[in-house]
Amino acid sequence: MGALVFYTFVFFIGYFVVHGFNLLIGRKLLNRKITALVIVCLIALMHGYKILTSPLPTQQDADAFQALGYYVMFPILVIVTACVFFGLQDKEDE
């Protein structure tokens, strides 16, 4: 659950940084949702690399791919699904 909160926080930080950048430029240069998703995916790649290259804890009965799925892939799937859902809701409102 902590990984989902972390990646959601990263998404919103990226979203608002891009929004501020677009305000400074004076026009919509970058799509906020897509750019925030790209930032989240880059952080997830670094996190996944760290999980795969680190030694496993000795007391736990989990392997690296289970940790990769639970701490990286699941939160990314939830965030992408939410972005697609809210993107479709925005298009229906227009």
PDB file of N, CA and C in Angstrom:
ATOM      1  N   MET A   1       0.820  -1.189   0.000  1.00  0.00           N
ATOM      2  CA  MET A   1       0.000   0.000   0.000  1.00  0.00           C
ATOM      3  C   MET A   1       0.867   1.256   0.000  1.00  0.00           C
ATOM      4  N   GLY A   2       2.008   1.181   0.622  1.00  0.00           N
ATOM      5  CA  GLY A   2       2.896   2.334   0.655  1.00  0.00           C
ATOM      6  C   GLY A   2       3.437   2.694  -0.712  1.00  0.00           C
ATOM      7  N   ALA A   3       3.666   1.675  -1.555  1.00  0.00           N
ATOM      8  CA  ALA A   3       4.168   1.942  -2.899  1.00  0.00           C
ATOM      9  C   ALA A   3       3.121   2.673  -3.734  1.00  0.00           C
ATOM     10  N   LEU A   4       1.859   2.320  -3.548  1.00  0.00           N
ATOM     11  CA  LEU A   4       0.787   2.999  -4.278  1.00  0.00           C
ATOM     12  C   LEU A   4       0.699   4.470  -3.873  1.00  0.00           C
ATOM     13  N   VAL A   5       0.835   4.745  -2.601  1.00  0.00           N
ATOM     14  CA  VAL A   5       0.824   6.133  -2.122  1.00  0.00           C
ATOM     15  C   VAL A   5       2.042   6.880  -2.666  1.00  0.00           C
ATOM     16  N   PHE A   6       3.199   6.224  -2.676  1.00  0.00           N
ATOM     17  CA  PHE A   6       4.417   6.849  -3.186  1.00  0.00           C
ATOM     18  C   PHE A   6       4.278   7.214  -4.657  1.00  0.00           C
ATOM     19  N   TYR A   7       3.828   6.282  -5.482  1.00  0.00           N
ATOM     20  CA  TYR A   7       3.700   6.557  -6.914  1.00  0.00           C
ATOM     21  C   TYR A   7       2.589   7.566  -7.198  1.00  0.00           C
ATOM     22  N   THR A   8       1.534   7.581  -6.395  1.00  0.00           N
ATOM     23  CA  THR A   8       0.493   8.601  -6.547  1.00  0.00           C
ATOM     24  C   THR A   8       1.055   9.979  -6.219  1.00  0.00           C
ATOM     25  N   PHE A   9       1.870  10.054  -5.180  1.00  0.00           N
ATOM     26  CA  PHE A   9       2.527  11.312  -4.822  1.00  0.00           C
ATOM     27  C   PHE A   9       3.442  11.778  -5.950  1.00  0.00           C
ATOM     28  N   VAL A  10       4.219  10.862  -6.526  1.00  0.00           N
ATOM     29  CA  VAL A  10       5.105  11.211  -7.639  1.00  0.00           C
ATOM     30  C   VAL A  10       4.287  11.701  -8.827  1.00  0.00           C
ATOM     31  N   PHE A  11       3.150  11.050  -9.093  1.00  0.00           N
ATOM     32  CA  PHE A  11       2.290  11.468 -10.202  1.00  0.00           C
ATOM     33  C   PHE A  11       1.808  12.903 -10.000  1.00  0.00           C
ATOM     34  N   PHE A  12       1.318  13.220  -8.804  1.00  0.00           N
ATOM     35  CA  PHE A  12       0.798  14.565  -8.570  1.00  0.00           C
ATOM     36  C   PHE A  12       1.901  15.614  -8.568  1.00  0.00           C
ATOM     37  N   ILE A  13       3.069  15.274  -8.077  1.00  0.00           N
ATOM     38  CA  ILE A  13       4.196  16.214  -8.148  1.00  0.00           C
ATOM     39  C   ILE A  13       4.527  16.503  -9.612  1.00  0.00           C
ATOM     40  N   GLY A  14       4.632  15.461 -10.439  1.00  0.00           N
ATOM     41  CA  GLY A  14       4.893  15.659 -11.861  1.00  0.00           C
ATOM     42  C   GLY A  14       3.792  16.438 -12.551  1.00  0.00           C
ATOM     43  N   TYR A  15       2.550  16.149 -12.193  1.00  0.00           N
ATOM     44  CA  TYR A  15       1.395  16.830 -12.788  1.00  0.00           C
ATOM     45  C   TYR A  15       1.447  18.329 -12.512  1.00  0.00           C
ATOM     46  N   PHE A  16       1.707  18.698 -11.257  1.00  0.00           N
ATOM     47  CA  PHE A  16       1.709  20.115 -10.907  1.00  0.00           C
ATOM     48  C   PHE A  16       2.975  20.831 -11.369  1.00  0.00           C
ATOM     49  N   VAL A  17       4.090  20.128 -11.476  1.00  0.00           N
ATOM     50  CA  VAL A  17       5.301  20.743 -12.035  1.00  0.00           C
ATOM     51  C   VAL A  17       5.078  21.080 -13.504  1.00  0.00           C
ATOM     52  N   VAL A  18       4.471  20.163 -14.245  1.00  0.00           N
ATOM     53  CA  VAL A  18       4.189  20.423 -15.662  1.00  0.00           C
ATOM     54  C   VAL A  18       3.147  21.535 -15.796  1.00  0.00           C
ATOM     55  N   HIS A  19       2.172  21.570 -14.901  1.00  0.00           N
ATOM     56  CA  HIS A  19       1.182  22.655 -14.930  1.00  0.00           C
ATOM     57  C   HIS A  19       1.861  24.008 -14.705  1.00  0.00           C
ATOM     58  N   GLY A  20       2.768  24.075 -13.735  1.00  0.00           N
ATOM     59  CA  GLY A  20       3.515  25.308 -13.501  1.00  0.00           C
ATOM     60  C   GLY A  20       4.387  25.684 -14.683  1.00  0.00           C
ATOM     61  N   PHE A  21       5.000  24.685 -15.314  1.00  0.00           N
ATOM     62  CA  PHE A  21       5.816  24.937 -16.502  1.00  0.00           C
ATOM     63  C   PHE A  21       4.963  25.506 -17.630  1.00  0.00           C
ATOM     64  N   ASN A  22       3.769  24.933 -17.824  1.00  0.00           N
ATOM     65  CA  ASN A  22       2.871  25.443 -18.862  1.00  0.00           C
ATOM     66  C   ASN A  22       2.411  26.867 -18.547  1.00  0.00           C
ATOM     67  N   LEU A  23       2.216  27.186 -17.274  1.00  0.00           N
ATOM     68  CA  LEU A  23       1.844  28.555 -16.905  1.00  0.00           C
ATOM     69  C   LEU A  23       2.985  29.531 -17.164  1.00  0.00           C
ATOM     70  N   LEU A  24       4.223  29.106 -16.905  1.00  0.00           N
ATOM     71  CA  LEU A  24       5.373  29.976 -17.167  1.00  0.00           C
ATOM     72  C   LEU A  24       5.548  30.240 -18.657  1.00  0.00           C
ATOM     73  N   ILE A  25       5.329  29.219 -19.460  1.00  0.00           N
ATOM     74  CA  ILE A  25       5.472  29.364 -20.906  1.00  0.00           C
ATOM     75  C   ILE A  25       4.350  30.235 -21.467  1.00  0.00           C
ATOM     76  N   GLY A  26       3.163  30.101 -20.898  1.00  0.00           N
ATOM     77  CA  GLY A  26       2.040  30.897 -21.364  1.00  0.00           C
ATOM     78  C   GLY A  26       1.121  30.164 -22.317  1.00  0.00           C
ATOM     79  N   ARG A  27       1.428  28.919 -22.616  1.00  0.00           N
ATOM     80  CA  ARG A  27       0.554  28.103 -23.462  1.00  0.00           C
ATOM     81  C   ARG A  27       0.726  26.647 -23.069  1.00  0.00           C
ATOM     82  N   LYS A  28      -0.173  25.809 -23.555  1.00  0.00           N
ATOM     83  CA  LYS A  28      -0.127  24.391 -23.198  1.00  0.00           C
ATOM     84  C   LYS A  28       0.895  23.686 -24.097  1.00  0.00           C
ATOM     85  N   LEU A  29       2.097  23.543 -23.587  1.00  0.00           N
ATOM     86  CA  LEU A  29       3.167  22.916 -24.356  1.00  0.00           C
ATOM     87  C   LEU A  29       3.209  21.413 -24.120  1.00  0.00           C
ATOM     88  N   LEU A  30       3.008  20.985 -22.883  1.00  0.00           N
ATOM     89  CA  LEU A  30       3.060  19.566 -22.527  1.00  0.00           C
ATOM     90  C   LEU A  30       1.726  19.124 -21.944  1.00  0.00           C
ATOM     91  N   ASN A  31       1.325  17.902 -22.266  1.00  0.00           N
ATOM     92  CA  ASN A  31       0.135  17.317 -21.663  1.00  0.00           C
ATOM     93  C   ASN A  31       0.488  16.909 -20.236  1.00  0.00           C
ATOM     94  N   ARG A  32      -0.302  17.367 -19.275  1.00  0.00           N
ATOM     95  CA  ARG A  32       0.035  17.146 -17.868  1.00  0.00           C
ATOM     96  C   ARG A  32      -0.057  15.679 -17.479  1.00  0.00           C
ATOM     97  N   LYS A  33      -1.116  14.995 -17.895  1.00  0.00           N
ATOM     98  CA  LYS A  33      -1.302  13.597 -17.489  1.00  0.00           C
ATOM     99  C   LYS A  33      -0.253  12.687 -18.115  1.00  0.00           C
ATOM    100  N   ILE A  34       0.001  12.864 -19.400  1.00  0.00           N
ATOM    101  CA  ILE A  34       0.977  12.006 -20.085  1.00  0.00           C
ATOM    102  C   ILE A  34       2.375  12.235 -19.523  1.00  0.00           C
ATOM    103  N   THR A  35       2.739  13.481 -19.302  1.00  0.00           N
ATOM    104  CA  THR A  35       4.067  13.776 -18.766  1.00  0.00           C
ATOM    105  C   THR A  35       4.219  13.245 -17.345  1.00  0.00           C
ATOM    106  N   ALA A  36       3.175  13.360 -16.532  1.00  0.00           N
ATOM    107  CA  ALA A  36       3.235  12.809 -15.172  1.00  0.00           C
ATOM    108  C   ALA A  36       3.361  11.293 -15.212  1.00  0.00           C
ATOM    109  N   LEU A  37       2.669  10.634 -16.158  1.00  0.00           N
ATOM    110  CA  LEU A  37       2.804   9.179 -16.293  1.00  0.00           C
ATOM    111  C   LEU A  37       4.213   8.782 -16.728  1.00  0.00           C
ATOM    112  N   VAL A  38       4.817   9.568 -17.597  1.00  0.00           N
ATOM    113  CA  VAL A  38       6.193   9.284 -18.024  1.00  0.00           C
ATOM    114  C   VAL A  38       7.146   9.405 -16.838  1.00  0.00           C
ATOM    115  N   ILE A  39       6.956  10.415 -16.006  1.00  0.00           N
ATOM    116  CA  ILE A  39       7.799  10.582 -14.816  1.00  0.00           C
ATOM    117  C   ILE A  39       7.623   9.403 -13.871  1.00  0.00           C
ATOM    118  N   VAL A  40       6.374   8.969 -13.668  1.00  0.00           N
ATOM    119  CA  VAL A  40       6.105   7.818 -12.799  1.00  0.00           C
ATOM    120  C   VAL A  40       6.754   6.561 -13.366  1.00  0.00           C
ATOM    121  N   CYS A  41       6.687   6.374 -14.678  1.00  0.00           N
ATOM    122  CA  CYS A  41       7.300   5.184 -15.285  1.00  0.00           C
ATOM    123  C   CYS A  41       8.819   5.208 -15.160  1.00  0.00           C
ATOM    124  N   LEU A  42       9.425   6.381 -15.265  1.00  0.00           N
ATOM    125  CA  LEU A  42      10.879   6.468 -15.079  1.00  0.00           C
ATOM    126  C   LEU A  42      11.278   6.134 -13.643  1.00  0.00           C
ATOM    127  N   ILE A  43      10.519   6.629 -12.681  1.00  0.00           N
ATOM    128  CA  ILE A  43      10.784   6.291 -11.279  1.00  0.00           C
ATOM    129  C   ILE A  43      10.576   4.795 -11.058  1.00  0.00           C
ATOM    130  N   ALA A  44       9.549   4.223 -11.690  1.00  0.00           N
ATOM    131  CA  ALA A  44       9.282   2.791 -11.553  1.00  0.00           C
ATOM    132  C   ALA A  44      10.405   1.951 -12.161  1.00  0.00           C
ATOM    133  N   LEU A  45      10.973   2.398 -13.275  1.00  0.00           N
ATOM    134  CA  LEU A  45      12.112   1.681 -13.856  1.00  0.00           C
ATOM    135  C   LEU A  45      13.303   1.672 -12.904  1.00  0.00           C
ATOM    136  N   MET A  46      13.585   2.813 -12.299  1.00  0.00           N
ATOM    137  CA  MET A  46      14.689   2.866 -11.338  1.00  0.00           C
ATOM    138  C   MET A  46      14.396   2.008 -10.107  1.00  0.00           C
ATOM    139  N   HIS A  47      13.157   2.027  -9.645  1.00  0.00           N
ATOM    140  CA  HIS A  47      12.768   1.229  -8.486  1.00  0.00           C
ATOM    141  C   HIS A  47      12.861  -0.267  -8.806  1.00  0.00           C
ATOM    142  N   GLY A  48      12.399  -0.649  -9.995  1.00  0.00           N
ATOM    143  CA  GLY A  48      12.485  -2.049 -10.408  1.00  0.00           C
ATOM    144  C   GLY A  48      13.920  -2.522 -10.558  1.00  0.00           C
ATOM    145  N   TYR A  49      14.770  -1.669 -11.106  1.00  0.00           N
ATOM    146  CA  TYR A  49      16.183  -2.017 -11.225  1.00  0.00           C
ATOM    147  C   TYR A  49      16.808  -2.228  -9.850  1.00  0.00           C
ATOM    148  N   LYS A  50      16.456  -1.372  -8.910  1.00  0.00           N
ATOM    149  CA  LYS A  50      16.990  -1.495  -7.547  1.00  0.00           C
ATOM    150  C   LYS A  50      16.512  -2.787  -6.890  1.00  0.00           C
ATOM    151  N   ILE A  51      15.254  -3.164  -7.118  1.00  0.00           N
ATOM    152  CA  ILE A  51      14.728  -4.405  -6.542  1.00  0.00           C
ATOM    153  C   ILE A  51      15.439  -5.616  -7.133  1.00  0.00           C
ATOM    154  N   LEU A  52      15.651  -5.613  -8.442  1.00  0.00           N
ATOM    155  CA  LEU A  52      16.248  -6.779  -9.094  1.00  0.00           C
ATOM    156  C   LEU A  52      17.737  -6.930  -8.807  1.00  0.00           C
ATOM    157  N   THR A  53      18.437  -5.833  -8.568  1.00  0.00           N
ATOM    158  CA  THR A  53      19.883  -5.929  -8.357  1.00  0.00           C
ATOM    159  C   THR A  53      20.281  -6.006  -6.889  1.00  0.00           C
ATOM    160  N   SER A  54      19.352  -5.771  -5.984  1.00  0.00           N
ATOM    161  CA  SER A  54      19.661  -5.845  -4.551  1.00  0.00           C
ATOM    162  C   SER A  54      19.576  -7.282  -4.064  1.00  0.00           C
ATOM    163  N   PRO A  55      20.367  -7.627  -3.051  1.00  0.00           N
ATOM    164  CA  PRO A  55      20.231  -8.974  -2.483  1.00  0.00           C
ATOM    165  C   PRO A  55      18.900  -9.120  -1.748  1.00  0.00           C
ATOM    166  N   LEU A  56      18.366 -10.329  -1.774  1.00  0.00           N
ATOM    167  CA  LEU A  56      17.083 -10.591  -1.134  1.00  0.00           C
ATOM    168  C   LEU A  56      17.236 -10.671   0.378  1.00  0.00           C
ATOM    169  N   PRO A  57      16.213 -10.266   1.119  1.00  0.00           N
ATOM    170  CA  PRO A  57      16.248 -10.437   2.575  1.00  0.00           C
ATOM    171  C   PRO A  57      16.265 -11.924   2.928  1.00  0.00           C
ATOM    172  N   THR A  58      16.979 -12.288   3.956  1.00  0.00           N
ATOM    173  CA  THR A  58      17.136 -13.710   4.284  1.00  0.00           C
ATOM    174  C   THR A  58      15.934 -14.284   5.014  1.00  0.00           C
ATOM    175  N   GLN A  59      15.199 -13.493   5.761  1.00  0.00           N
ATOM    176  CA  GLN A  59      14.088 -14.017   6.549  1.00  0.00           C
ATOM    177  C   GLN A  59      12.787 -14.118   5.763  1.00  0.00           C
ATOM    178  N   GLN A  60      12.702 -13.520   4.594  1.00  0.00           N
ATOM    179  CA  GLN A  60      11.448 -13.526   3.851  1.00  0.00           C
ATOM    180  C   GLN A  60      11.439 -14.640   2.816  1.00  0.00           C
ATOM    181  N   ASP A  61      10.231 -15.146   2.549  1.00  0.00           N
ATOM    182  CA  ASP A  61      10.068 -16.243   1.600  1.00  0.00           C
ATOM    183  C   ASP A  61       9.542 -15.727   0.256  1.00  0.00           C
ATOM    184  N   ALA A  62       9.996 -14.575  -0.170  1.00  0.00           N
ATOM    185  CA  ALA A  62       9.549 -13.989  -1.430  1.00  0.00           C
ATOM    186  C   ALA A  62      10.744 -13.836  -2.360  1.00  0.00           C
ATOM    187  N   ASP A  63      10.464 -13.893  -3.656  1.00  0.00           N
ATOM    188  CA  ASP A  63      11.544 -13.682  -4.615  1.00  0.00           C
ATOM    189  C   ASP A  63      11.442 -12.266  -5.187  1.00  0.00           C
ATOM    190  N   ALA A  64      12.403 -11.917  -6.026  1.00  0.00           N
ATOM    191  CA  ALA A  64      12.482 -10.552  -6.537  1.00  0.00           C
ATOM    192  C   ALA A  64      11.324 -10.230  -7.469  1.00  0.00           C
ATOM    193  N   PHE A  65      10.860 -11.204  -8.237  1.00  0.00           N
ATOM    194  CA  PHE A  65       9.780 -10.930  -9.178  1.00  0.00           C
ATOM    195  C   PHE A  65       8.443 -10.717  -8.472  1.00  0.00           C
ATOM    196  N   GLN A  66       8.253 -11.364  -7.345  1.00  0.00           N
ATOM    197  CA  GLN A  66       7.052 -11.115  -6.560  1.00  0.00           C
ATOM    198  C   GLN A  66       7.091  -9.694  -5.989  1.00  0.00           C
ATOM    199  N   ALA A  67       8.233  -9.280  -5.507  1.00  0.00           N
ATOM    200  CA  ALA A  67       8.379  -7.909  -5.004  1.00  0.00           C
ATOM    201  C   ALA A  67       8.213  -6.897  -6.134  1.00  0.00           C
ATOM    202  N   LEU A  68       8.730  -7.227  -7.310  1.00  0.00           N
ATOM    203  CA  LEU A  68       8.590  -6.337  -8.460  1.00  0.00           C
ATOM    204  C   LEU A  68       7.124  -6.164  -8.844  1.00  0.00           C
ATOM    205  N   GLY A  69       6.380  -7.251  -8.830  1.00  0.00           N
ATOM    206  CA  GLY A  69       4.960  -7.170  -9.162  1.00  0.00           C
ATOM    207  C   GLY A  69       4.160  -6.414  -8.129  1.00  0.00           C
ATOM    208  N   TYR A  70       4.465  -6.634  -6.858  1.00  0.00           N
ATOM    209  CA  TYR A  70       3.681  -6.019  -5.783  1.00  0.00           C
ATOM    210  C   TYR A  70       4.043  -4.555  -5.562  1.00  0.00           C
ATOM    211  N   TYR A  71       5.321  -4.208  -5.641  1.00  0.00           N
ATOM    212  CA  TYR A  71       5.755  -2.858  -5.304  1.00  0.00           C
ATOM    213  C   TYR A  71       5.941  -1.940  -6.505  1.00  0.00           C
ATOM    214  N   VAL A  72       5.948  -2.482  -7.726  1.00  0.00           N
ATOM    215  CA  VAL A  72       6.152  -1.635  -8.899  1.00  0.00           C
ATOM    216  C   VAL A  72       5.002  -1.783  -9.895  1.00  0.00           C
ATOM    217  N   MET A  73       4.744  -3.001 -10.338  1.00  0.00           N
ATOM    218  CA  MET A  73       3.776  -3.189 -11.417  1.00  0.00           C
ATOM    219  C   MET A  73       2.338  -2.910 -10.985  1.00  0.00           C
ATOM    220  N   PHE A  74       1.943  -3.353  -9.803  1.00  0.00           N
ATOM    221  CA  PHE A  74       0.578  -3.120  -9.335  1.00  0.00           C
ATOM    222  C   PHE A  74       0.262  -1.635  -9.159  1.00  0.00           C
ATOM    223  N   PRO A  75       1.115  -0.841  -8.499  1.00  0.00           N
ATOM    224  CA  PRO A  75       0.800   0.591  -8.389  1.00  0.00           C
ATOM    225  C   PRO A  75       0.757   1.304  -9.740  1.00  0.00           C
ATOM    226  N   ILE A  76       1.642   0.913 -10.662  1.00  0.00           N
ATOM    227  CA  ILE A  76       1.639   1.541 -11.981  1.00  0.00           C
ATOM    228  C   ILE A  76       0.355   1.198 -12.720  1.00  0.00           C
ATOM    229  N   LEU A  77      -0.095  -0.042 -12.605  1.00  0.00           N
ATOM    230  CA  LEU A  77      -1.344  -0.456 -13.240  1.00  0.00           C
ATOM    231  C   LEU A  77      -2.532   0.328 -12.684  1.00  0.00           C
ATOM    232  N   VAL A  78      -2.568   0.539 -11.389  1.00  0.00           N
ATOM    233  CA  VAL A  78      -3.663   1.303 -10.774  1.00  0.00           C
ATOM    234  C   VAL A  78      -3.640   2.754 -11.249  1.00  0.00           C
ATOM    235  N   ILE A  79      -2.481   3.363 -11.310  1.00  0.00           N
ATOM    236  CA  ILE A  79      -2.381   4.763 -11.722  1.00  0.00           C
ATOM    237  C   ILE A  79      -2.733   4.927 -13.196  1.00  0.00           C
ATOM    238  N   VAL A  80      -2.257   4.028 -14.055  1.00  0.00           N
ATOM    239  CA  VAL A  80      -2.590   4.112 -15.480  1.00  0.00           C
ATOM    240  C   VAL A  80      -4.086   3.897 -15.688  1.00  0.00           C
ATOM    241  N   THR A  81      -4.678   2.944 -14.972  1.00  0.00           N
ATOM    242  CA  THR A  81      -6.116   2.703 -15.083  1.00  0.00           C
ATOM    243  C   THR A  81      -6.910   3.933 -14.652  1.00  0.00           C
ATOM    244  N   ALA A  82      -6.502   4.568 -13.577  1.00  0.00           N
ATOM    245  CA  ALA A  82      -7.191   5.778 -13.118  1.00  0.00           C
ATOM    246  C   ALA A  82      -7.056   6.909 -14.135  1.00  0.00           C
ATOM    247  N   CYS A  83      -5.880   7.053 -14.738  1.00  0.00           N
ATOM    248  CA  CYS A  83      -5.690   8.104 -15.744  1.00  0.00           C
ATOM    249  C   CYS A  83      -6.554   7.860 -16.973  1.00  0.00           C
ATOM    250  N   VAL A  84      -6.626   6.614 -17.416  1.00  0.00           N
ATOM    251  CA  VAL A  84      -7.467   6.289 -18.571  1.00  0.00           C
ATOM    252  C   VAL A  84      -8.933   6.532 -18.236  1.00  0.00           C
ATOM    253  N   PHE A  85      -9.366   6.104 -17.058  1.00  0.00           N
ATOM    254  CA  PHE A  85     -10.760   6.287 -16.652  1.00  0.00           C
ATOM    255  C   PHE A  85     -11.131   7.764 -16.595  1.00  0.00           C
ATOM    256  N   PHE A  86     -10.304   8.570 -15.923  1.00  0.00           N
ATOM    257  CA  PHE A  86     -10.621   9.989 -15.809  1.00  0.00           C
ATOM    258  C   PHE A  86     -10.449  10.717 -17.140  1.00  0.00           C
ATOM    259  N   GLY A  87      -9.554  10.243 -17.997  1.00  0.00           N
ATOM    260  CA  GLY A  87      -9.434  10.820 -19.332  1.00  0.00           C
ATOM    261  C   GLY A  87     -10.675  10.573 -20.170  1.00  0.00           C
ATOM    262  N   LEU A  88     -11.233   9.372 -20.071  1.00  0.00           N
ATOM    263  CA  LEU A  88     -12.475   9.078 -20.786  1.00  0.00           C
ATOM    264  C   LEU A  88     -13.645   9.866 -20.210  1.00  0.00           C
ATOM    265  N   GLN A  89     -13.656  10.072 -18.903  1.00  0.00           N
ATOM    266  CA  GLN A  89     -14.708  10.876 -18.285  1.00  0.00           C
ATOM    267  C   GLN A  89     -14.625  12.334 -18.749  1.00  0.00           C
ATOM    268  N   ASP A  90     -13.418  12.858 -18.921  1.00  0.00           N
ATOM    269  CA  ASP A  90     -13.259  14.228 -19.409  1.00  0.00           C
ATOM    270  C   ASP A  90     -13.753  14.365 -20.842  1.00  0.00           C
ATOM    271  N   LYS A  91     -13.497  13.355 -21.672  1.00  0.00           N
ATOM    272  CA  LYS A  91     -13.953  13.409 -23.063  1.00  0.00           C
ATOM    273  C   LYS A  91     -15.469  13.316 -23.156  1.00  0.00           C
ATOM    274  N   GLU A  92     -16.101  12.566 -22.255  1.00  0.00           N
ATOM    275  CA  GLU A  92     -17.561  12.481 -22.253  1.00  0.00           C
ATOM    276  C   GLU A  92     -18.190  13.796 -21.820  1.00  0.00           C
ATOM    277  N   ASP A  93     -17.525  14.544 -20.954  1.00  0.00           N
ATOM    278  CA  ASP A  93     -18.062  15.819 -20.487  1.00  0.00           C
ATOM    279  C   ASP A  93     -18.018  16.887 -21.572  1.00  0.00           C
ATOM    280  N   GLU A  94     -17.108  16.759 -22.516  1.00  0.00           N
ATOM    281  CA  GLU A  94     -16.964  17.779 -23.572  1.00  0.00           C
ATOM    282  C   GLU A  94     -17.936  17.590 -24.649  1.00  0.00           C
TER     283      GLU A  94
END
